Amino acid sequence: MSLTKESAYLYGYAKKLRKINRAIKKHSKHADKHKRRHNKAKTLTEQDKHKRKHESKVIDINKLAHEHRRIMQKLLTHYRKFTHELKSKH
């Protein structure tokens, strides 16, 4: 592919990666909050509620981490193609 197309791929995947990183950070913050509230809770129903919410956030984080690895692999592939194209042109 051309150098401009590879740079466009890099730009697009970098934007997706930033979006996923922000989402992981947000979900991590919520998971920590529910873990703290679970430890603070006095009744079993409150503990169960925060435990379920914490587990839900952890599942979301794992899904996002899987997506992060997938996009990172594509980003590295296009980075290698970009550097190869750059070396061959200049």
PDB file of N, CA and C in Angstrom:
ATOM      1  N   MET A   1       0.831  -1.185   0.000  1.00  0.00           N
ATOM      2  CA  MET A   1       0.000   0.000   0.000  1.00  0.00           C
ATOM      3  C   MET A   1       0.874   1.247   0.000  1.00  0.00           C
ATOM      4  N   SER A   2       0.257   2.355  -0.255  1.00  0.00           N
ATOM      5  CA  SER A   2       1.014   3.593  -0.295  1.00  0.00           C
ATOM      6  C   SER A   2       1.279   4.100   1.126  1.00  0.00           C
ATOM      7  N   LEU A   3       2.206   4.997   1.186  1.00  0.00           N
ATOM      8  CA  LEU A   3       2.600   5.574   2.475  1.00  0.00           C
ATOM      9  C   LEU A   3       1.446   6.328   3.121  1.00  0.00           C
ATOM     10  N   THR A   4       0.673   7.035   2.323  1.00  0.00           N
ATOM     11  CA  THR A   4      -0.441   7.812   2.887  1.00  0.00           C
ATOM     12  C   THR A   4      -1.543   6.898   3.427  1.00  0.00           C
ATOM     13  N   LYS A   5      -1.807   5.783   2.743  1.00  0.00           N
ATOM     14  CA  LYS A   5      -2.819   4.855   3.234  1.00  0.00           C
ATOM     15  C   LYS A   5      -2.388   4.219   4.551  1.00  0.00           C
ATOM     16  N   GLU A   6      -1.121   3.858   4.632  1.00  0.00           N
ATOM     17  CA  GLU A   6      -0.618   3.254   5.881  1.00  0.00           C
ATOM     18  C   GLU A   6      -0.671   4.260   7.023  1.00  0.00           C
ATOM     19  N   SER A   7      -0.341   5.511   6.722  1.00  0.00           N
ATOM     20  CA  SER A   7      -0.407   6.523   7.779  1.00  0.00           C
ATOM     21  C   SER A   7      -1.852   6.759   8.209  1.00  0.00           C
ATOM     22  N   ALA A   8      -2.788   6.641   7.277  1.00  0.00           N
ATOM     23  CA  ALA A   8      -4.210   6.780   7.621  1.00  0.00           C
ATOM     24  C   ALA A   8      -4.658   5.639   8.521  1.00  0.00           C
ATOM     25  N   TYR A   9      -4.207   4.420   8.223  1.00  0.00           N
ATOM     26  CA  TYR A   9      -4.518   3.285   9.093  1.00  0.00           C
ATOM     27  C   TYR A   9      -3.956   3.505  10.497  1.00  0.00           C
ATOM     28  N   LEU A  10      -2.715   3.974  10.557  1.00  0.00           N
ATOM     29  CA  LEU A  10      -2.088   4.217  11.863  1.00  0.00           C
ATOM     30  C   LEU A  10      -2.879   5.247  12.658  1.00  0.00           C
ATOM     31  N   TYR A  11      -3.299   6.306  12.001  1.00  0.00           N
ATOM     32  CA  TYR A  11      -4.065   7.359  12.658  1.00  0.00           C
ATOM     33  C   TYR A  11      -5.399   6.817  13.177  1.00  0.00           C
ATOM     34  N   GLY A  12      -6.094   6.074  12.337  1.00  0.00           N
ATOM     35  CA  GLY A  12      -7.396   5.526  12.729  1.00  0.00           C
ATOM     36  C   GLY A  12      -7.293   4.557  13.894  1.00  0.00           C
ATOM     37  N   TYR A  13      -6.323   3.652  13.836  1.00  0.00           N
ATOM     38  CA  TYR A  13      -6.164   2.683  14.923  1.00  0.00           C
ATOM     39  C   TYR A  13      -5.694   3.359  16.207  1.00  0.00           C
ATOM     40  N   ALA A  14      -4.881   4.400  16.085  1.00  0.00           N
ATOM     41  CA  ALA A  14      -4.431   5.128  17.277  1.00  0.00           C
ATOM     42  C   ALA A  14      -5.623   5.810  17.965  1.00  0.00           C
ATOM     43  N   LYS A  15      -6.539   6.351  17.167  1.00  0.00           N
ATOM     44  CA  LYS A  15      -7.740   6.972  17.745  1.00  0.00           C
ATOM     45  C   LYS A  15      -8.594   5.934  18.467  1.00  0.00           C
ATOM     46  N   LYS A  16      -8.770   4.768  17.853  1.00  0.00           N
ATOM     47  CA  LYS A  16      -9.552   3.701  18.485  1.00  0.00           C
ATOM     48  C   LYS A  16      -8.888   3.247  19.785  1.00  0.00           C
ATOM     49  N   LEU A  17      -7.566   3.169  19.753  1.00  0.00           N
ATOM     50  CA  LEU A  17      -6.831   2.739  20.941  1.00  0.00           C
ATOM     51  C   LEU A  17      -6.987   3.740  22.081  1.00  0.00           C
ATOM     52  N   ARG A  18      -6.944   5.019  21.779  1.00  0.00           N
ATOM     53  CA  ARG A  18      -7.146   6.040  22.803  1.00  0.00           C
ATOM     54  C   ARG A  18      -8.551   5.944  23.393  1.00  0.00           C
ATOM     55  N   LYS A  19      -9.536   5.708  22.542  1.00  0.00           N
ATOM     56  CA  LYS A  19     -10.915   5.581  23.007  1.00  0.00           C
ATOM     57  C   LYS A  19     -11.060   4.387  23.953  1.00  0.00           C
ATOM     58  N   ILE A  20     -10.451   3.276  23.609  1.00  0.00           N
ATOM     59  CA  ILE A  20     -10.523   2.081  24.456  1.00  0.00           C
ATOM     60  C   ILE A  20      -9.785   2.308  25.769  1.00  0.00           C
ATOM     61  N   ASN A  21      -8.649   2.978  25.715  1.00  0.00           N
ATOM     62  CA  ASN A  21      -7.904   3.253  26.948  1.00  0.00           C
ATOM     63  C   ASN A  21      -8.706   4.118  27.914  1.00  0.00           C
ATOM     64  N   ARG A  22      -9.406   5.105  27.365  1.00  0.00           N
ATOM     65  CA  ARG A  22     -10.252   5.942  28.220  1.00  0.00           C
ATOM     66  C   ARG A  22     -11.383   5.118  28.837  1.00  0.00           C
ATOM     67  N   ALA A  23     -11.968   4.231  28.047  1.00  0.00           N
ATOM     68  CA  ALA A  23     -13.059   3.389  28.555  1.00  0.00           C
ATOM     69  C   ALA A  23     -12.553   2.436  29.633  1.00  0.00           C
ATOM     70  N   ILE A  24     -11.368   1.862  29.445  1.00  0.00           N
ATOM     71  CA  ILE A  24     -10.792   0.967  30.453  1.00  0.00           C
ATOM     72  C   ILE A  24     -10.550   1.730  31.753  1.00  0.00           C
ATOM     73  N   LYS A  25     -10.039   2.942  31.632  1.00  0.00           N
ATOM     74  CA  LYS A  25      -9.782   3.750  32.821  1.00  0.00           C
ATOM     75  C   LYS A  25     -11.082   4.053  33.561  1.00  0.00           C
ATOM     76  N   LYS A  26     -12.143   4.394  32.813  1.00  0.00           N
ATOM     77  CA  LYS A  26     -13.433   4.708  33.414  1.00  0.00           C
ATOM     78  C   LYS A  26     -14.008   3.485  34.133  1.00  0.00           C
ATOM     79  N   HIS A  27     -13.963   2.330  33.468  1.00  0.00           N
ATOM     80  CA  HIS A  27     -14.502   1.113  34.074  1.00  0.00           C
ATOM     81  C   HIS A  27     -13.671   0.679  35.289  1.00  0.00           C
ATOM     82  N   SER A  28     -12.370   0.880  35.236  1.00  0.00           N
ATOM     83  CA  SER A  28     -11.508   0.536  36.370  1.00  0.00           C
ATOM     84  C   SER A  28     -11.852   1.392  37.588  1.00  0.00           C
ATOM     85  N   LYS A  29     -12.106   2.656  37.324  1.00  0.00           N
ATOM     86  CA  LYS A  29     -12.485   3.572  38.395  1.00  0.00           C
ATOM     87  C   LYS A  29     -13.793   3.114  39.051  1.00  0.00           C
ATOM     88  N   HIS A  30     -14.766   2.730  38.228  1.00  0.00           N
ATOM     89  CA  HIS A  30     -16.047   2.264  38.761  1.00  0.00           C
ATOM     90  C   HIS A  30     -15.891   0.934  39.496  1.00  0.00           C
ATOM     91  N   ALA A  31     -15.050   0.048  38.991  1.00  0.00           N
ATOM     92  CA  ALA A  31     -14.832  -1.242  39.650  1.00  0.00           C
ATOM     93  C   ALA A  31     -14.205  -1.030  41.031  1.00  0.00           C
ATOM     94  N   ASP A  32     -13.240  -0.121  41.119  1.00  0.00           N
ATOM     95  CA  ASP A  32     -12.630   0.179  42.421  1.00  0.00           C
ATOM     96  C   ASP A  32     -13.654   0.771  43.382  1.00  0.00           C
ATOM     97  N   LYS A  33     -14.512   1.644  42.855  1.00  0.00           N
ATOM     98  CA  LYS A  33     -15.538   2.265  43.688  1.00  0.00           C
ATOM     99  C   LYS A  33     -16.472   1.198  44.262  1.00  0.00           C
ATOM    100  N   HIS A  34     -16.907   0.258  43.431  1.00  0.00           N
ATOM    101  CA  HIS A  34     -17.815  -0.782  43.911  1.00  0.00           C
ATOM    102  C   HIS A  34     -17.117  -1.747  44.864  1.00  0.00           C
ATOM    103  N   LYS A  35     -15.835  -1.957  44.659  1.00  0.00           N
ATOM    104  CA  LYS A  35     -15.093  -2.821  45.578  1.00  0.00           C
ATOM    105  C   LYS A  35     -15.000  -2.154  46.966  1.00  0.00           C
ATOM    106  N   ARG A  36     -14.719  -0.847  46.966  1.00  0.00           N
ATOM    107  CA  ARG A  36     -14.674  -0.122  48.235  1.00  0.00           C
ATOM    108  C   ARG A  36     -16.031  -0.133  48.923  1.00  0.00           C
ATOM    109  N   ARG A  37     -17.083   0.092  48.144  1.00  0.00           N
ATOM    110  CA  ARG A  37     -18.427   0.110  48.729  1.00  0.00           C
ATOM    111  C   ARG A  37     -18.837  -1.275  49.221  1.00  0.00           C
ATOM    112  N   HIS A  38     -18.371  -2.315  48.552  1.00  0.00           N
ATOM    113  CA  HIS A  38     -18.643  -3.683  49.009  1.00  0.00           C
ATOM    114  C   HIS A  38     -17.998  -3.907  50.378  1.00  0.00           C
ATOM    115  N   ASN A  39     -16.773  -3.451  50.517  1.00  0.00           N
ATOM    116  CA  ASN A  39     -16.072  -3.618  51.798  1.00  0.00           C
ATOM    117  C   ASN A  39     -16.686  -2.774  52.905  1.00  0.00           C
ATOM    118  N   LYS A  40     -17.262  -1.629  52.549  1.00  0.00           N
ATOM    119  CA  LYS A  40     -17.879  -0.732  53.527  1.00  0.00           C
ATOM    120  C   LYS A  40     -19.290  -1.148  53.928  1.00  0.00           C
ATOM    121  N   ALA A  41     -19.952  -1.907  53.062  1.00  0.00           N
ATOM    122  CA  ALA A  41     -21.375  -2.219  53.257  1.00  0.00           C
ATOM    123  C   ALA A  41     -21.598  -2.995  54.550  1.00  0.00           C
ATOM    124  N   LYS A  42     -22.706  -2.680  55.181  1.00  0.00           N
ATOM    125  CA  LYS A  42     -23.025  -3.316  56.456  1.00  0.00           C
ATOM    126  C   LYS A  42     -23.941  -4.528  56.292  1.00  0.00           C
ATOM    127  N   THR A  43     -24.841  -4.462  55.333  1.00  0.00           N
ATOM    128  CA  THR A  43     -25.768  -5.578  55.152  1.00  0.00           C
ATOM    129  C   THR A  43     -25.310  -6.466  53.996  1.00  0.00           C
ATOM    130  N   LEU A  44     -25.796  -7.691  54.012  1.00  0.00           N
ATOM    131  CA  LEU A  44     -25.426  -8.640  52.967  1.00  0.00           C
ATOM    132  C   LEU A  44     -26.001  -8.252  51.607  1.00  0.00           C
ATOM    133  N   THR A  45     -27.194  -7.658  51.609  1.00  0.00           N
ATOM    134  CA  THR A  45     -27.787  -7.270  50.323  1.00  0.00           C
ATOM    135  C   THR A  45     -26.973  -6.164  49.656  1.00  0.00           C
ATOM    136  N   GLU A  46     -26.490  -5.211  50.460  1.00  0.00           N
ATOM    137  CA  GLU A  46     -25.640  -4.154  49.905  1.00  0.00           C
ATOM    138  C   GLU A  46     -24.328  -4.748  49.389  1.00  0.00           C
ATOM    139  N   GLN A  47     -23.763  -5.682  50.149  1.00  0.00           N
ATOM    140  CA  GLN A  47     -22.521  -6.322  49.724  1.00  0.00           C
ATOM    141  C   GLN A  47     -22.721  -7.061  48.404  1.00  0.00           C
ATOM    142  N   ASP A  48     -23.826  -7.797  48.300  1.00  0.00           N
ATOM    143  CA  ASP A  48     -24.103  -8.532  47.069  1.00  0.00           C
ATOM    144  C   ASP A  48     -24.292  -7.594  45.882  1.00  0.00           C
ATOM    145  N   LYS A  49     -24.996  -6.485  46.128  1.00  0.00           N
ATOM    146  CA  LYS A  49     -25.249  -5.519  45.063  1.00  0.00           C
ATOM    147  C   LYS A  49     -23.930  -4.967  44.516  1.00  0.00           C
ATOM    148  N   HIS A  50     -23.038  -4.556  45.413  1.00  0.00           N
ATOM    149  CA  HIS A  50     -21.766  -3.979  44.970  1.00  0.00           C
ATOM    150  C   HIS A  50     -20.832  -5.047  44.403  1.00  0.00           C
ATOM    151  N   LYS A  51     -20.960  -6.253  44.900  1.00  0.00           N
ATOM    152  CA  LYS A  51     -20.147  -7.344  44.350  1.00  0.00           C
ATOM    153  C   LYS A  51     -20.558  -7.616  42.901  1.00  0.00           C
ATOM    154  N   ARG A  52     -21.876  -7.660  42.642  1.00  0.00           N
ATOM    155  CA  ARG A  52     -22.365  -7.893  41.285  1.00  0.00           C
ATOM    156  C   ARG A  52     -21.929  -6.771  40.345  1.00  0.00           C
ATOM    157  N   LYS A  53     -22.026  -5.536  40.830  1.00  0.00           N
ATOM    158  CA  LYS A  53     -21.628  -4.401  39.989  1.00  0.00           C
ATOM    159  C   LYS A  53     -20.125  -4.433  39.705  1.00  0.00           C
ATOM    160  N   HIS A  54     -19.333  -4.808  40.721  1.00  0.00           N
ATOM    161  CA  HIS A  54     -17.890  -4.919  40.543  1.00  0.00           C
ATOM    162  C   HIS A  54     -17.565  -5.997  39.507  1.00  0.00           C
ATOM    163  N   GLU A  55     -18.220  -7.147  39.625  1.00  0.00           N
ATOM    164  CA  GLU A  55     -17.974  -8.235  38.680  1.00  0.00           C
ATOM    165  C   GLU A  55     -18.374  -7.834  37.265  1.00  0.00           C
ATOM    166  N   SER A  56     -19.460  -7.091  37.144  1.00  0.00           N
ATOM    167  CA  SER A  56     -19.898  -6.618  35.843  1.00  0.00           C
ATOM    168  C   SER A  56     -18.844  -5.712  35.208  1.00  0.00           C
ATOM    169  N   LYS A  57     -18.284  -4.819  36.003  1.00  0.00           N
ATOM    170  CA  LYS A  57     -17.259  -3.906  35.488  1.00  0.00           C
ATOM    171  C   LYS A  57     -15.989  -4.663  35.111  1.00  0.00           C
ATOM    172  N   VAL A  58     -15.647  -5.689  35.872  1.00  0.00           N
ATOM    173  CA  VAL A  58     -14.456  -6.480  35.558  1.00  0.00           C
ATOM    174  C   VAL A  58     -14.653  -7.207  34.225  1.00  0.00           C
ATOM    175  N   ILE A  59     -15.850  -7.712  33.994  1.00  0.00           N
ATOM    176  CA  ILE A  59     -16.141  -8.370  32.709  1.00  0.00           C
ATOM    177  C   ILE A  59     -16.007  -7.364  31.566  1.00  0.00           C
ATOM    178  N   ASP A  60     -16.524  -6.149  31.774  1.00  0.00           N
ATOM    179  CA  ASP A  60     -16.396  -5.105  30.751  1.00  0.00           C
ATOM    180  C   ASP A  60     -14.927  -4.770  30.487  1.00  0.00           C
ATOM    181  N   ILE A  61     -14.131  -4.704  31.538  1.00  0.00           N
ATOM    182  CA  ILE A  61     -12.704  -4.407  31.394  1.00  0.00           C
ATOM    183  C   ILE A  61     -12.016  -5.513  30.593  1.00  0.00           C
ATOM    184  N   ASN A  62     -12.371  -6.766  30.869  1.00  0.00           N
ATOM    185  CA  ASN A  62     -11.763  -7.878  30.138  1.00  0.00           C
ATOM    186  C   ASN A  62     -12.125  -7.841  28.657  1.00  0.00           C
ATOM    187  N   LYS A  63     -13.369  -7.487  28.342  1.00  0.00           N
ATOM    188  CA  LYS A  63     -13.775  -7.358  26.937  1.00  0.00           C
ATOM    189  C   LYS A  63     -12.982  -6.246  26.252  1.00  0.00           C
ATOM    190  N   LEU A  64     -12.843  -5.129  26.958  1.00  0.00           N
ATOM    191  CA  LEU A  64     -12.085  -4.011  26.385  1.00  0.00           C
ATOM    192  C   LEU A  64     -10.604  -4.363  26.233  1.00  0.00           C
ATOM    193  N   ALA A  65     -10.065  -5.135  27.172  1.00  0.00           N
ATOM    194  CA  ALA A  65      -8.661  -5.541  27.082  1.00  0.00           C
ATOM    195  C   ALA A  65      -8.447  -6.449  25.868  1.00  0.00           C
ATOM    196  N   HIS A  66      -9.424  -7.307  25.608  1.00  0.00           N
ATOM    197  CA  HIS A  66      -9.330  -8.167  24.424  1.00  0.00           C
ATOM    198  C   HIS A  66      -9.342  -7.317  23.154  1.00  0.00           C
ATOM    199  N   GLU A  67     -10.230  -6.347  23.108  1.00  0.00           N
ATOM    200  CA  GLU A  67     -10.306  -5.438  21.963  1.00  0.00           C
ATOM    201  C   GLU A  67      -9.019  -4.620  21.833  1.00  0.00           C
ATOM    202  N   HIS A  68      -8.441  -4.230  22.966  1.00  0.00           N
ATOM    203  CA  HIS A  68      -7.188  -3.478  22.976  1.00  0.00           C
ATOM    204  C   HIS A  68      -6.064  -4.300  22.349  1.00  0.00           C
ATOM    205  N   ARG A  69      -5.976  -5.575  22.736  1.00  0.00           N
ATOM    206  CA  ARG A  69      -4.941  -6.435  22.162  1.00  0.00           C
ATOM    207  C   ARG A  69      -5.136  -6.603  20.653  1.00  0.00           C
ATOM    208  N   ARG A  70      -6.389  -6.748  20.213  1.00  0.00           N
ATOM    209  CA  ARG A  70      -6.684  -6.920  18.794  1.00  0.00           C
ATOM    210  C   ARG A  70      -6.273  -5.680  17.993  1.00  0.00           C
ATOM    211  N   ILE A  71      -6.620  -4.520  18.491  1.00  0.00           N
ATOM    212  CA  ILE A  71      -6.273  -3.274  17.794  1.00  0.00           C
ATOM    213  C   ILE A  71      -4.769  -3.032  17.849  1.00  0.00           C
ATOM    214  N   MET A  72      -4.151  -3.372  18.969  1.00  0.00           N
ATOM    215  CA  MET A  72      -2.703  -3.193  19.084  1.00  0.00           C
ATOM    216  C   MET A  72      -1.973  -4.047  18.052  1.00  0.00           C
ATOM    217  N   GLN A  73      -2.448  -5.263  17.842  1.00  0.00           N
ATOM    218  CA  GLN A  73      -1.839  -6.134  16.835  1.00  0.00           C
ATOM    219  C   GLN A  73      -1.970  -5.537  15.438  1.00  0.00           C
ATOM    220  N   LYS A  74      -3.138  -4.995  15.117  1.00  0.00           N
ATOM    221  CA  LYS A  74      -3.335  -4.359  13.809  1.00  0.00           C
ATOM    222  C   LYS A  74      -2.467  -3.118  13.675  1.00  0.00           C
ATOM    223  N   LEU A  75      -2.362  -2.375  14.763  1.00  0.00           N
ATOM    224  CA  LEU A  75      -1.538  -1.168  14.751  1.00  0.00           C
ATOM    225  C   LEU A  75      -0.075  -1.523  14.477  1.00  0.00           C
ATOM    226  N   LEU A  76       0.418  -2.564  15.125  1.00  0.00           N
ATOM    227  CA  LEU A  76       1.806  -2.974  14.909  1.00  0.00           C
ATOM    228  C   LEU A  76       2.028  -3.472  13.481  1.00  0.00           C
ATOM    229  N   THR A  77       1.053  -4.183  12.939  1.00  0.00           N
ATOM    230  CA  THR A  77       1.165  -4.665  11.559  1.00  0.00           C
ATOM    231  C   THR A  77       1.281  -3.496  10.594  1.00  0.00           C
ATOM    232  N   HIS A  78       0.427  -2.520  10.739  1.00  0.00           N
ATOM    233  CA  HIS A  78       0.464  -1.369   9.832  1.00  0.00           C
ATOM    234  C   HIS A  78       1.684  -0.493  10.095  1.00  0.00           C
ATOM    235  N   TYR A  79       2.174  -0.483  11.320  1.00  0.00           N
ATOM    236  CA  TYR A  79       3.400   0.264  11.609  1.00  0.00           C
ATOM    237  C   TYR A  79       4.588  -0.355  10.862  1.00  0.00           C
ATOM    238  N   ARG A  80       4.640  -1.691  10.874  1.00  0.00           N
ATOM    239  CA  ARG A  80       5.723  -2.368  10.142  1.00  0.00           C
ATOM    240  C   ARG A  80       5.615  -2.084   8.641  1.00  0.00           C
ATOM    241  N   LYS A  81       4.402  -2.136   8.113  1.00  0.00           N
ATOM    242  CA  LYS A  81       4.207  -1.840   6.692  1.00  0.00           C
ATOM    243  C   LYS A  81       4.584  -0.398   6.380  1.00  0.00           C
ATOM    244  N   PHE A  82       4.243   0.513   7.291  1.00  0.00           N
ATOM    245  CA  PHE A  82       4.559   1.933   7.112  1.00  0.00           C
ATOM    246  C   PHE A  82       6.067   2.146   7.071  1.00  0.00           C
ATOM    247  N   THR A  83       6.781   1.540   8.020  1.00  0.00           N
ATOM    248  CA  THR A  83       8.244   1.711   8.028  1.00  0.00           C
ATOM    249  C   THR A  83       8.893   1.075   6.806  1.00  0.00           C
ATOM    250  N   HIS A  84       8.387  -0.056   6.374  1.00  0.00           N
ATOM    251  CA  HIS A  84       8.920  -0.693   5.177  1.00  0.00           C
ATOM    252  C   HIS A  84       8.710   0.204   3.948  1.00  0.00           C
ATOM    253  N   GLU A  85       7.506   0.747   3.831  1.00  0.00           N
ATOM    254  CA  GLU A  85       7.183   1.631   2.717  1.00  0.00           C
ATOM    255  C   GLU A  85       8.033   2.908   2.769  1.00  0.00           C
ATOM    256  N   LEU A  86       8.236   3.411   3.970  1.00  0.00           N
ATOM    257  CA  LEU A  86       9.029   4.626   4.137  1.00  0.00           C
ATOM    258  C   LEU A  86      10.478   4.384   3.729  1.00  0.00           C
ATOM    259  N   LYS A  87      11.023   3.238   4.117  1.00  0.00           N
ATOM    260  CA  LYS A  87      12.411   2.921   3.761  1.00  0.00           C
ATOM    261  C   LYS A  87      12.568   2.695   2.252  1.00  0.00           C
ATOM    262  N   SER A  88      11.549   2.103   1.650  1.00  0.00           N
ATOM    263  CA  SER A  88      11.660   1.827   0.209  1.00  0.00           C
ATOM    264  C   SER A  88      11.512   3.109  -0.623  1.00  0.00           C
ATOM    265  N   LYS A  89      10.771   4.079  -0.114  1.00  0.00           N
ATOM    266  CA  LYS A  89      10.562   5.339  -0.846  1.00  0.00           C
ATOM    267  C   LYS A  89      11.734   6.293  -0.698  1.00  0.00           C
ATOM    268  N   HIS A  90      12.377   6.296   0.474  1.00  0.00           N
ATOM    269  CA  HIS A  90      13.434   7.291   0.727  1.00  0.00           C
ATOM    270  C   HIS A  90      14.789   6.666   0.842  1.00  0.00           C
TER     271      HIS A  90
END
